[in-house]
Amino acid sequence: MGEGRAGALAHKFGYRQSSPAAAVAQYAAEARKFSLLDSGVLERPACRLLLINGMEDSIFPIEDSIAVATHGENKDLVVLGSLPHMGLPRSEATIHQWIDQVIAGASR
């Protein structure tokens, strides 16, 4: 796969050239077509969504989570200090609390 995180994303989206650098370059040139913001998906009606991440995420910048949380409705964003991707390991308790609150609110 090669080329670090960008290589992993390029591979995920089907860019599998024989040269990892070429795959990453093509992915980078075409990546905007995968944008949920540009496609309007984030503004569509949606169910309740929890976005949880650590400030030190090395996979997706925290700005990506903020963009999702600030477009459309029904989104809750939890940012966990200096933790990595998805705020692990501290995020699990937060996720369980959020689910409990959503379920309790739904039964009222």
N, C-alpha and C. Protein backbone atom coordinates (compact mmCIF):
# COMPACT_ATOMS: atom_id res chain seq x y z
N MET A 1 0.85 -1.18 0.00
CA MET A 1 0.00 0.00 0.00
C MET A 1 0.89 1.24 0.00
N GLY A 2 1.76 1.41 0.98
CA GLY A 2 2.75 2.48 0.98
C GLY A 2 2.20 3.87 1.19
N GLU A 3 3.11 4.83 1.32
CA GLU A 3 2.81 6.25 1.45
C GLU A 3 1.97 6.60 2.68
N GLY A 4 2.04 5.84 3.75
CA GLY A 4 1.41 6.18 5.02
C GLY A 4 -0.11 6.26 4.96
N ARG A 5 -0.65 7.22 5.72
CA ARG A 5 -2.12 7.38 5.82
C ARG A 5 -2.74 7.67 4.47
N ALA A 6 -2.09 8.51 3.68
CA ALA A 6 -2.62 8.83 2.36
C ALA A 6 -2.70 7.57 1.51
N GLY A 7 -1.71 6.69 1.64
CA GLY A 7 -1.73 5.43 0.90
C GLY A 7 -2.87 4.54 1.33
N ALA A 8 -3.14 4.52 2.63
CA ALA A 8 -4.25 3.72 3.14
C ALA A 8 -5.58 4.23 2.60
N LEU A 9 -5.75 5.55 2.58
CA LEU A 9 -6.99 6.12 2.04
C LEU A 9 -7.10 5.89 0.54
N ALA A 10 -5.99 6.05 -0.17
CA ALA A 10 -6.01 5.80 -1.61
C ALA A 10 -6.43 4.36 -1.88
N HIS A 11 -5.87 3.43 -1.15
CA HIS A 11 -6.21 2.01 -1.33
C HIS A 11 -7.68 1.77 -1.00
N LYS A 12 -8.16 2.37 0.09
CA LYS A 12 -9.56 2.22 0.49
C LYS A 12 -10.52 2.64 -0.62
N PHE A 13 -10.16 3.72 -1.32
CA PHE A 13 -11.03 4.25 -2.35
C PHE A 13 -10.73 3.67 -3.74
N GLY A 14 -9.93 2.60 -3.78
CA GLY A 14 -9.74 1.87 -5.02
C GLY A 14 -8.57 2.27 -5.88
N TYR A 15 -7.71 3.15 -5.38
CA TYR A 15 -6.53 3.56 -6.14
C TYR A 15 -5.41 2.57 -5.83
N ARG A 16 -5.17 1.65 -6.77
CA ARG A 16 -4.24 0.55 -6.52
C ARG A 16 -3.22 0.41 -7.64
N GLN A 17 -2.64 1.51 -8.07
CA GLN A 17 -1.61 1.46 -9.11
C GLN A 17 -0.40 0.70 -8.58
N SER A 18 0.45 0.25 -9.50
CA SER A 18 1.64 -0.49 -9.10
C SER A 18 2.60 0.37 -8.29
N SER A 19 2.58 1.66 -8.51
CA SER A 19 3.41 2.58 -7.73
C SER A 19 2.56 3.23 -6.65
N PRO A 20 2.89 3.03 -5.36
CA PRO A 20 2.13 3.69 -4.29
C PRO A 20 2.09 5.21 -4.45
N ALA A 21 3.18 5.80 -4.88
CA ALA A 21 3.21 7.26 -5.06
C ALA A 21 2.22 7.69 -6.14
N ALA A 22 2.09 6.91 -7.20
CA ALA A 22 1.14 7.23 -8.27
C ALA A 22 -0.29 7.10 -7.77
N ALA A 23 -0.55 6.09 -6.96
CA ALA A 23 -1.89 5.90 -6.39
C ALA A 23 -2.26 7.08 -5.51
N VAL A 24 -1.34 7.50 -4.66
CA VAL A 24 -1.60 8.64 -3.77
C VAL A 24 -1.80 9.92 -4.58
N ALA A 25 -1.01 10.12 -5.60
CA ALA A 25 -1.14 11.32 -6.43
C ALA A 25 -2.49 11.36 -7.13
N GLN A 26 -2.94 10.23 -7.68
CA GLN A 26 -4.24 10.21 -8.35
C GLN A 26 -5.36 10.41 -7.35
N TYR A 27 -5.26 9.76 -6.18
CA TYR A 27 -6.26 9.95 -5.13
C TYR A 27 -6.34 11.42 -4.73
N ALA A 28 -5.19 12.05 -4.49
CA ALA A 28 -5.16 13.46 -4.09
C ALA A 28 -5.81 14.35 -5.15
N ALA A 29 -5.57 14.05 -6.41
CA ALA A 29 -6.14 14.85 -7.50
C ALA A 29 -7.65 14.70 -7.59
N GLU A 30 -8.18 13.57 -7.15
CA GLU A 30 -9.61 13.29 -7.30
C GLU A 30 -10.37 13.25 -5.98
N ALA A 31 -9.72 13.50 -4.87
CA ALA A 31 -10.31 13.28 -3.54
C ALA A 31 -11.56 14.10 -3.28
N ARG A 32 -11.66 15.27 -3.86
CA ARG A 32 -12.84 16.12 -3.58
C ARG A 32 -14.16 15.43 -3.97
N LYS A 33 -14.10 14.48 -4.90
CA LYS A 33 -15.35 13.81 -5.30
C LYS A 33 -15.91 12.96 -4.16
N PHE A 34 -15.10 12.72 -3.11
CA PHE A 34 -15.56 11.95 -1.95
C PHE A 34 -16.06 12.86 -0.83
N SER A 35 -16.07 14.16 -1.05
CA SER A 35 -16.43 15.12 -0.01
C SER A 35 -17.92 15.09 0.30
N LEU A 36 -18.25 14.81 1.55
CA LEU A 36 -19.65 14.84 1.98
C LEU A 36 -20.19 16.27 2.01
N LEU A 37 -19.32 17.22 2.25
CA LEU A 37 -19.72 18.62 2.25
C LEU A 37 -20.02 19.10 0.83
N ASP A 38 -19.08 18.87 -0.09
CA ASP A 38 -19.28 19.30 -1.47
C ASP A 38 -20.47 18.63 -2.13
N SER A 39 -20.76 17.39 -1.77
CA SER A 39 -21.88 16.67 -2.40
C SER A 39 -23.23 17.03 -1.80
N GLY A 40 -23.23 17.77 -0.69
CA GLY A 40 -24.48 18.18 -0.05
C GLY A 40 -25.03 17.17 0.95
N VAL A 41 -24.36 16.05 1.14
CA VAL A 41 -24.84 15.02 2.06
C VAL A 41 -25.01 15.56 3.48
N LEU A 42 -24.10 16.42 3.91
CA LEU A 42 -24.15 16.90 5.29
C LEU A 42 -25.34 17.80 5.59
N GLU A 43 -25.94 18.36 4.56
CA GLU A 43 -27.10 19.23 4.75
C GLU A 43 -28.42 18.49 4.67
N ARG A 44 -28.40 17.24 4.29
CA ARG A 44 -29.64 16.47 4.15
C ARG A 44 -30.18 16.07 5.52
N PRO A 45 -31.48 15.82 5.62
CA PRO A 45 -32.04 15.33 6.88
C PRO A 45 -31.33 14.04 7.29
N ALA A 46 -31.10 13.89 8.59
CA ALA A 46 -30.36 12.73 9.08
C ALA A 46 -30.81 12.35 10.48
N CYS A 47 -30.55 11.13 10.83
CA CYS A 47 -30.80 10.69 12.19
C CYS A 47 -29.75 11.32 13.11
N ARG A 48 -29.92 11.18 14.38
CA ARG A 48 -28.96 11.70 15.36
C ARG A 48 -27.59 11.07 15.12
N LEU A 49 -26.55 11.87 15.19
CA LEU A 49 -25.20 11.41 14.89
C LEU A 49 -24.24 11.91 15.96
N LEU A 50 -23.43 11.00 16.48
CA LEU A 50 -22.36 11.34 17.41
C LEU A 50 -21.04 11.32 16.67
N LEU A 51 -20.35 12.44 16.71
CA LEU A 51 -18.99 12.53 16.18
C LEU A 51 -18.07 12.60 17.39
N ILE A 52 -17.14 11.69 17.47
CA ILE A 52 -16.23 11.67 18.61
C ILE A 52 -14.81 11.48 18.10
N ASN A 53 -13.91 12.31 18.60
CA ASN A 53 -12.55 12.24 18.11
C ASN A 53 -11.59 12.85 19.10
N GLY A 54 -10.34 12.51 18.95
CA GLY A 54 -9.28 13.11 19.74
C GLY A 54 -8.64 14.24 18.97
N MET A 55 -8.17 15.25 19.68
CA MET A 55 -7.51 16.39 19.04
C MET A 55 -6.25 15.98 18.29
N GLU A 56 -5.64 14.89 18.69
CA GLU A 56 -4.38 14.45 18.09
C GLU A 56 -4.58 13.31 17.09
N ASP A 57 -5.72 13.28 16.43
CA ASP A 57 -6.00 12.26 15.43
C ASP A 57 -4.98 12.37 14.31
N SER A 58 -4.28 11.29 14.03
CA SER A 58 -3.27 11.30 12.97
C SER A 58 -3.83 10.78 11.65
N ILE A 59 -5.12 10.42 11.62
CA ILE A 59 -5.73 9.90 10.41
C ILE A 59 -6.57 10.98 9.72
N PHE A 60 -7.46 11.61 10.49
CA PHE A 60 -8.27 12.70 9.96
C PHE A 60 -8.12 13.90 10.87
N PRO A 61 -7.89 15.08 10.32
CA PRO A 61 -7.75 16.26 11.17
C PRO A 61 -9.07 16.58 11.87
N ILE A 62 -8.96 17.16 13.05
CA ILE A 62 -10.16 17.49 13.84
C ILE A 62 -11.08 18.43 13.06
N GLU A 63 -10.52 19.21 12.16
CA GLU A 63 -11.33 20.11 11.34
C GLU A 63 -12.36 19.35 10.52
N ASP A 64 -12.07 18.12 10.14
CA ASP A 64 -13.04 17.31 9.41
C ASP A 64 -14.27 17.03 10.27
N SER A 65 -14.05 16.69 11.53
CA SER A 65 -15.17 16.43 12.45
C SER A 65 -15.97 17.71 12.68
N ILE A 66 -15.27 18.82 12.82
CA ILE A 66 -15.96 20.10 13.05
C ILE A 66 -16.81 20.45 11.83
N ALA A 67 -16.30 20.22 10.64
CA ALA A 67 -17.07 20.51 9.42
C ALA A 67 -18.35 19.68 9.38
N VAL A 68 -18.26 18.41 9.72
CA VAL A 68 -19.46 17.55 9.74
C VAL A 68 -20.44 18.05 10.79
N ALA A 69 -19.94 18.38 11.99
CA ALA A 69 -20.81 18.78 13.09
C ALA A 69 -21.52 20.11 12.86
N THR A 70 -20.92 20.98 12.07
CA THR A 70 -21.48 22.32 11.89
C THR A 70 -22.31 22.48 10.63
N HIS A 71 -22.55 21.39 9.92
CA HIS A 71 -23.42 21.43 8.74
C HIS A 71 -24.57 20.46 8.95
N GLY A 72 -25.77 20.95 8.71
CA GLY A 72 -26.94 20.10 8.92
C GLY A 72 -27.37 20.12 10.38
N GLU A 73 -28.20 19.15 10.73
CA GLU A 73 -28.78 19.10 12.08
C GLU A 73 -28.57 17.73 12.70
N ASN A 74 -28.90 17.63 13.96
CA ASN A 74 -28.90 16.36 14.72
C ASN A 74 -27.51 15.77 14.92
N LYS A 75 -26.50 16.63 15.09
CA LYS A 75 -25.14 16.14 15.25
C LYS A 75 -24.55 16.63 16.56
N ASP A 76 -23.96 15.72 17.29
CA ASP A 76 -23.27 16.04 18.53
C ASP A 76 -21.79 15.75 18.32
N LEU A 77 -20.94 16.69 18.72
CA LEU A 77 -19.51 16.53 18.57
C LEU A 77 -18.86 16.50 19.95
N VAL A 78 -18.05 15.47 20.19
CA VAL A 78 -17.27 15.36 21.41
C VAL A 78 -15.81 15.29 20.98
N VAL A 79 -15.02 16.24 21.47
CA VAL A 79 -13.59 16.26 21.18
C VAL A 79 -12.86 15.98 22.48
N LEU A 80 -12.02 14.96 22.44
CA LEU A 80 -11.34 14.50 23.65
C LEU A 80 -9.87 14.90 23.63
N GLY A 81 -9.58 15.99 24.30
CA GLY A 81 -8.23 16.47 24.57
C GLY A 81 -7.14 16.06 23.62
N SER A 82 -6.08 15.52 24.16
CA SER A 82 -4.91 15.19 23.36
C SER A 82 -4.89 13.72 22.95
N LEU A 83 -6.06 13.13 22.80
CA LEU A 83 -6.15 11.72 22.45
C LEU A 83 -6.08 11.52 20.93
N PRO A 84 -5.78 10.28 20.49
CA PRO A 84 -5.64 10.00 19.06
C PRO A 84 -6.99 9.73 18.39
N HIS A 85 -6.95 9.10 17.22
CA HIS A 85 -8.10 8.78 16.40
C HIS A 85 -9.24 8.20 17.22
N MET A 86 -10.42 8.79 17.07
CA MET A 86 -11.64 8.37 17.75
C MET A 86 -11.57 8.53 19.27
N GLY A 87 -10.57 9.25 19.77
CA GLY A 87 -10.48 9.50 21.20
C GLY A 87 -10.22 8.27 22.04
N LEU A 88 -9.69 7.25 21.42
CA LEU A 88 -9.45 6.00 22.16
C LEU A 88 -8.31 6.19 23.14
N PRO A 89 -8.37 5.57 24.29
CA PRO A 89 -9.37 4.61 24.77
C PRO A 89 -10.50 5.25 25.58
N ARG A 90 -10.41 6.56 25.82
CA ARG A 90 -11.38 7.21 26.71
C ARG A 90 -12.76 7.36 26.10
N SER A 91 -12.91 7.24 24.81
CA SER A 91 -14.18 7.54 24.16
C SER A 91 -15.28 6.52 24.43
N GLU A 92 -14.93 5.30 24.77
CA GLU A 92 -15.96 4.27 24.93
C GLU A 92 -17.00 4.63 25.98
N ALA A 93 -16.58 5.14 27.12
CA ALA A 93 -17.53 5.54 28.17
C ALA A 93 -18.41 6.68 27.68
N THR A 94 -17.83 7.62 26.95
CA THR A 94 -18.59 8.74 26.42
C THR A 94 -19.64 8.26 25.42
N ILE A 95 -19.26 7.33 24.58
CA ILE A 95 -20.20 6.77 23.60
C ILE A 95 -21.37 6.08 24.30
N HIS A 96 -21.08 5.28 25.32
CA HIS A 96 -22.15 4.59 26.05
C HIS A 96 -23.09 5.58 26.73
N GLN A 97 -22.53 6.64 27.33
CA GLN A 97 -23.37 7.67 27.97
C GLN A 97 -24.26 8.35 26.94
N TRP A 98 -23.70 8.66 25.78
CA TRP A 98 -24.47 9.33 24.74
C TRP A 98 -25.63 8.44 24.28
N ILE A 99 -25.37 7.17 24.05
CA ILE A 99 -26.41 6.23 23.63
C ILE A 99 -27.51 6.15 24.69
N ASP A 100 -27.11 6.03 25.95
CA ASP A 100 -28.10 5.99 27.04
C ASP A 100 -28.96 7.24 27.06
N GLN A 101 -28.36 8.42 26.86
CA GLN A 101 -29.12 9.67 26.84
C GLN A 101 -30.07 9.73 25.66
N VAL A 102 -29.63 9.29 24.50
CA VAL A 102 -30.49 9.30 23.30
C VAL A 102 -31.67 8.35 23.51
N ILE A 103 -31.41 7.17 24.03
CA ILE A 103 -32.50 6.22 24.26
C ILE A 103 -33.47 6.75 25.30
N ALA A 104 -32.95 7.32 26.37
CA ALA A 104 -33.82 7.88 27.42
C ALA A 104 -34.68 9.01 26.87
N GLY A 105 -34.12 9.84 26.01
CA GLY A 105 -34.87 10.93 25.40
C GLY A 105 -35.92 10.43 24.43
N ALA A 106 -35.65 9.32 23.77
CA ALA A 106 -36.57 8.77 22.78
C ALA A 106 -37.79 8.15 23.45
N SER A 107 -37.64 7.73 24.70
CA SER A 107 -38.76 7.04 25.36
C SER A 107 -39.68 8.00 26.09
N ARG A 108 -39.37 9.30 26.08
CA ARG A 108 -40.22 10.28 26.78
C ARG A 108 -41.44 10.63 25.99
